[in-house]
Amino acid sequence: MSSKAYKYLVLTSGMICAYVLIKSLFFIEIRLVRTDVIQGIIVGFGLALATAQIIAQLKTSKVNGWVTMYRLGLPDNGMLTRAACALAFPGPVNTPQEAMYWKTSIDGARHKLSGEHHYIMRFPSGGLPPNNAFWSLTMGDANNRFVENSINRYSVSDRSGLVPNDDSSVDIYIQNIAPEGRESNWLPAPSGEFILWLRVYMPDAIILDGKYNVPPVVEVK
């Protein structure tokens, strides 16, 4: 389900819940048991959605425009926490010790990411995601699908042959058109809005302790 469709679902459920509650509190009338059961199911569903959304907002960590959660995939997560994790990071996920995930649809200035602009994501010297396996930065369009491009590149990683700068920092160029002379560090973007996913497998303790900050995606003026 797309984020837009989910927002419409939450809005519709909220309106139905409000209608049922107002009608029950202020308009006393004789009702069939069947009607009450149906209304109870609808209200319960709406409240469950709202509760999961609130928990997702409370448990997500947001830094430099990136969003992550530190309890994804843990077997002792309660039902509502699992629902919140599924809302924030849909799809199968591993435990934090196996993999950590970040996503963003905005740049460091909180503007929507779009292929109409050019961006750089700069990892300072020694600042690539610390891990005991590998990391990857993946591009998705507005619907979180791979983006067709001329070089068939859908992600970059520590196995992509990224070329560092003279000061050992690493720049990743995120744009629709190939950056001249920087193709090795290019992550192709669509012409419209897009989403970025960063995955770090077998992350170091500095990540698990929440002490590592993913650098922002910066628009090139």
Protein backbone atom coordinates (compact mmCIF):
# COMPACT_ATOMS: atom_id res chain seq x y z
CA MET A 1 0.00 0.00 0.00
CA SER A 2 1.35 3.43 -0.95
CA SER A 3 1.78 6.14 1.67
CA LYS A 4 -0.98 8.18 0.02
CA ALA A 5 -3.42 5.26 0.10
CA TYR A 6 -2.53 4.61 3.74
CA LYS A 7 -3.18 8.26 4.63
CA TYR A 8 -6.60 8.06 2.98
CA LEU A 9 -7.35 4.86 4.89
CA VAL A 10 -6.39 6.46 8.22
CA LEU A 11 -8.43 9.58 7.42
CA THR A 12 -11.49 7.54 6.44
CA SER A 13 -11.22 5.34 9.53
CA GLY A 14 -10.85 8.42 11.73
CA MET A 15 -13.96 10.02 10.25
CA ILE A 16 -15.98 6.84 10.74
CA CYS A 17 -14.75 6.51 14.34
CA ALA A 18 -15.65 10.13 15.08
CA TYR A 19 -19.11 9.66 13.56
CA VAL A 20 -19.81 6.50 15.56
CA LEU A 21 -18.56 8.00 18.85
CA ILE A 22 -20.54 11.22 18.43
CA LYS A 23 -23.66 9.33 17.48
CA SER A 24 -23.29 6.97 20.46
CA LEU A 25 -22.68 9.75 23.01
CA PHE A 26 -25.15 12.41 21.91
CA PHE A 27 -27.87 10.62 19.99
CA ILE A 28 -29.38 7.91 22.18
CA GLU A 29 -31.48 5.48 20.19
CA ILE A 30 -32.46 1.85 20.11
CA ARG A 31 -29.93 -0.08 18.04
CA LEU A 32 -29.62 -3.64 16.86
CA VAL A 33 -26.89 -5.76 18.42
CA ARG A 34 -25.62 -6.45 14.91
CA THR A 35 -25.22 -2.73 14.28
CA ASP A 36 -23.27 -2.26 17.52
CA VAL A 37 -20.98 -5.18 16.67
CA ILE A 38 -20.23 -3.78 13.22
CA GLN A 39 -19.63 -0.32 14.63
CA GLY A 40 -17.38 -1.77 17.33
CA ILE A 41 -15.27 -3.58 14.74
CA ILE A 42 -14.92 -0.40 12.67
CA VAL A 43 -14.02 1.74 15.69
CA GLY A 44 -11.56 -0.89 16.96
CA PHE A 45 -9.87 -1.05 13.56
CA GLY A 46 -9.59 2.74 13.40
CA LEU A 47 -8.20 3.01 16.93
CA ALA A 48 -5.67 0.25 16.20
CA LEU A 49 -4.44 2.14 13.13
CA ALA A 50 -4.19 5.39 15.07
CA THR A 51 -2.37 3.72 17.98
CA ALA A 52 0.13 2.00 15.68
CA GLN A 53 0.79 5.30 13.90
CA ILE A 54 1.41 7.10 17.22
CA ILE A 55 3.78 4.36 18.42
CA ALA A 56 5.63 4.48 15.08
CA GLN A 57 6.16 8.22 15.50
CA LEU A 58 7.35 7.79 19.09
CA LYS A 59 9.77 4.95 18.36
CA THR A 60 11.38 6.32 15.19
CA SER A 61 14.60 8.29 15.40
CA LYS A 62 15.08 11.17 12.94
CA VAL A 63 18.49 12.69 12.23
CA ASN A 64 19.58 14.70 9.16
CA GLY A 65 16.33 13.82 7.43
CA TRP A 66 16.88 10.07 7.88
CA VAL A 67 14.42 7.88 9.79
CA THR A 68 15.31 4.66 11.61
CA MET A 69 14.06 2.37 14.38
CA TYR A 70 16.22 0.46 16.83
CA ARG A 71 13.81 -2.37 17.72
CA LEU A 72 12.94 -3.68 14.28
CA GLY A 73 12.48 -7.42 14.07
CA LEU A 74 12.96 -8.21 17.77
CA PRO A 75 10.98 -11.31 18.81
CA ASP A 76 9.84 -9.74 22.09
CA ASN A 77 8.14 -6.81 20.37
CA GLY A 78 4.48 -6.58 21.29
CA MET A 79 1.69 -6.59 18.71
CA LEU A 80 1.39 -2.81 18.53
CA THR A 81 5.16 -2.34 18.30
CA ARG A 82 5.27 -4.84 15.45
CA ALA A 83 2.48 -2.97 13.71
CA ALA A 84 4.37 0.30 14.21
CA CYS A 85 7.53 -1.26 12.75
CA ALA A 86 5.58 -2.51 9.75
CA LEU A 87 4.19 0.98 9.15
CA ALA A 88 7.59 2.65 9.35
CA PHE A 89 9.55 -0.05 7.50
CA PRO A 90 7.26 -2.28 5.43
CA GLY A 91 8.58 -5.60 4.26
CA PRO A 92 10.78 -8.24 5.90
CA VAL A 93 13.42 -6.90 8.27
CA ASN A 94 16.19 -8.44 10.36
CA THR A 95 17.02 -7.86 14.00
CA PRO A 96 19.25 -4.80 14.65
CA GLN A 97 22.29 -7.02 15.25
CA GLU A 98 21.87 -8.42 11.74
CA ALA A 99 20.94 -5.21 9.92
CA MET A 100 19.98 -1.60 10.51
CA TYR A 101 17.81 0.40 8.13
CA TRP A 102 17.36 4.08 7.38
CA LYS A 103 15.11 5.76 4.84
CA THR A 104 14.45 9.30 3.68
CA SER A 105 12.35 11.16 1.13
CA ILE A 106 13.71 14.59 2.10
CA ASP A 107 17.09 16.30 1.97
CA GLY A 108 18.95 17.81 4.91
CA ALA A 109 16.93 21.01 4.53
CA ARG A 110 13.69 18.99 4.75
CA HIS A 111 12.76 19.53 1.09
CA LYS A 112 11.31 16.65 -0.93
CA LEU A 113 13.91 14.69 -2.86
CA SER A 114 13.38 15.11 -6.60
CA GLY A 115 15.30 14.28 -9.76
CA GLU A 116 14.80 17.90 -10.78
CA HIS A 117 17.71 18.68 -8.45
CA HIS A 118 21.24 17.38 -7.95
CA TYR A 119 22.38 16.07 -4.56
CA ILE A 120 25.55 14.98 -2.82
CA MET A 121 25.74 12.65 0.15
CA ARG A 122 29.19 13.10 1.70
CA PHE A 123 30.68 10.61 4.11
CA PRO A 124 33.63 12.21 5.94
CA SER A 125 36.96 10.44 6.18
CA GLY A 126 36.43 7.32 8.27
CA GLY A 127 32.69 8.00 8.33
CA LEU A 128 31.35 5.25 6.08
CA PRO A 129 28.81 3.08 7.92
CA PRO A 130 30.82 0.82 10.31
CA ASN A 131 29.95 -2.82 9.87
CA ASN A 132 31.20 -6.40 9.85
CA ALA A 133 29.56 -7.31 6.53
CA PHE A 134 28.58 -4.56 4.07
CA TRP A 135 26.37 -1.52 3.54
CA SER A 136 24.28 -0.32 0.59
CA LEU A 137 22.43 2.83 -0.47
CA THR A 138 19.42 2.01 -2.65
CA MET A 139 17.32 4.26 -4.87
CA GLY A 140 13.55 3.93 -5.16
CA ASP A 141 11.00 6.06 -7.00
CA ALA A 142 8.02 7.67 -5.27
CA ASN A 143 6.35 4.24 -5.14
CA ASN A 144 9.52 2.63 -3.77
CA ARG A 145 10.32 0.79 -7.00
CA PHE A 146 13.70 0.48 -8.68
CA VAL A 147 14.53 3.26 -11.13
CA GLU A 148 15.41 2.26 -14.68
CA ASN A 149 18.64 3.94 -15.80
CA SER A 150 21.28 3.79 -18.52
CA ILE A 151 23.91 1.97 -16.42
CA ASN A 152 21.55 -0.48 -14.67
CA ARG A 153 22.66 0.75 -11.26
CA TYR A 154 20.06 0.64 -8.51
CA SER A 155 22.30 1.00 -5.47
CA VAL A 156 25.86 1.79 -4.44
CA SER A 157 27.80 0.13 -1.66
CA ASP A 158 31.23 -0.58 -0.24
CA ARG A 159 31.57 -3.08 -3.09
CA SER A 160 30.81 -0.57 -5.87
CA GLY A 161 34.32 0.80 -6.30
CA LEU A 162 33.47 4.25 -4.96
CA VAL A 163 36.32 6.69 -5.53
CA PRO A 164 37.27 8.76 -2.45
CA ASN A 165 38.24 12.42 -2.49
CA ASP A 166 41.78 13.60 -1.76
CA ASP A 167 40.89 13.97 1.93
CA SER A 168 39.53 10.37 2.01
CA SER A 169 35.93 11.53 2.25
CA VAL A 170 33.46 9.85 -0.12
CA ASP A 171 30.85 11.72 -2.16
CA ILE A 172 27.84 9.96 -3.65
CA TYR A 173 26.21 11.90 -6.48
CA ILE A 174 22.45 11.47 -6.53
CA GLN A 175 20.88 12.92 -9.68
CA ASN A 176 19.04 12.12 -12.86
CA ILE A 177 21.93 12.96 -15.20
CA ALA A 178 25.37 11.41 -14.88
CA PRO A 179 27.90 13.74 -13.19
CA GLU A 180 30.75 14.29 -15.61
CA GLY A 181 33.92 12.59 -14.39
CA ARG A 182 32.12 11.20 -11.31
CA GLU A 183 30.23 8.28 -12.83
CA SER A 184 31.85 5.79 -10.43
CA ASN A 185 30.08 7.49 -7.51
CA TRP A 186 26.76 8.14 -9.28
CA LEU A 187 23.45 6.80 -7.97
CA PRO A 188 20.92 7.45 -10.76
CA ALA A 189 17.68 9.15 -9.72
CA PRO A 190 14.34 9.34 -11.53
CA SER A 191 13.05 12.58 -13.00
CA GLY A 192 10.48 12.91 -10.21
CA GLU A 193 10.37 12.35 -6.46
CA PHE A 194 12.29 9.46 -4.93
CA ILE A 195 13.17 7.60 -1.73
CA LEU A 196 16.57 6.49 -0.44
CA TRP A 197 17.25 3.44 1.70
CA LEU A 198 20.47 2.83 3.61
CA ARG A 199 21.08 -0.69 4.89
CA VAL A 200 24.00 -1.72 7.09
CA TYR A 201 24.50 -5.43 7.67
CA MET A 202 26.07 -6.67 10.91
CA PRO A 203 26.47 -3.08 12.13
CA ASP A 204 29.11 -2.10 14.67
CA ALA A 205 28.20 -1.22 18.26
CA ILE A 206 28.42 2.51 17.51
CA ILE A 207 25.38 2.11 15.24
CA LEU A 208 23.46 -0.13 17.64
CA ASP A 209 24.10 2.36 20.46
CA GLY A 210 22.64 5.18 18.35
CA LYS A 211 25.93 7.09 18.20
CA TYR A 212 26.34 7.01 14.42
CA ASN A 213 24.57 9.69 12.39
CA VAL A 214 23.95 9.14 8.69
CA PRO A 215 25.07 12.29 6.81
CA PRO A 216 22.36 14.40 5.16
CA VAL A 217 21.53 14.44 1.49
CA VAL A 218 22.50 17.96 0.40
CA GLU A 219 21.14 19.73 -2.65
CA VAL A 220 23.81 21.15 -4.96
CA LYS A 221 23.00 24.76 -5.70
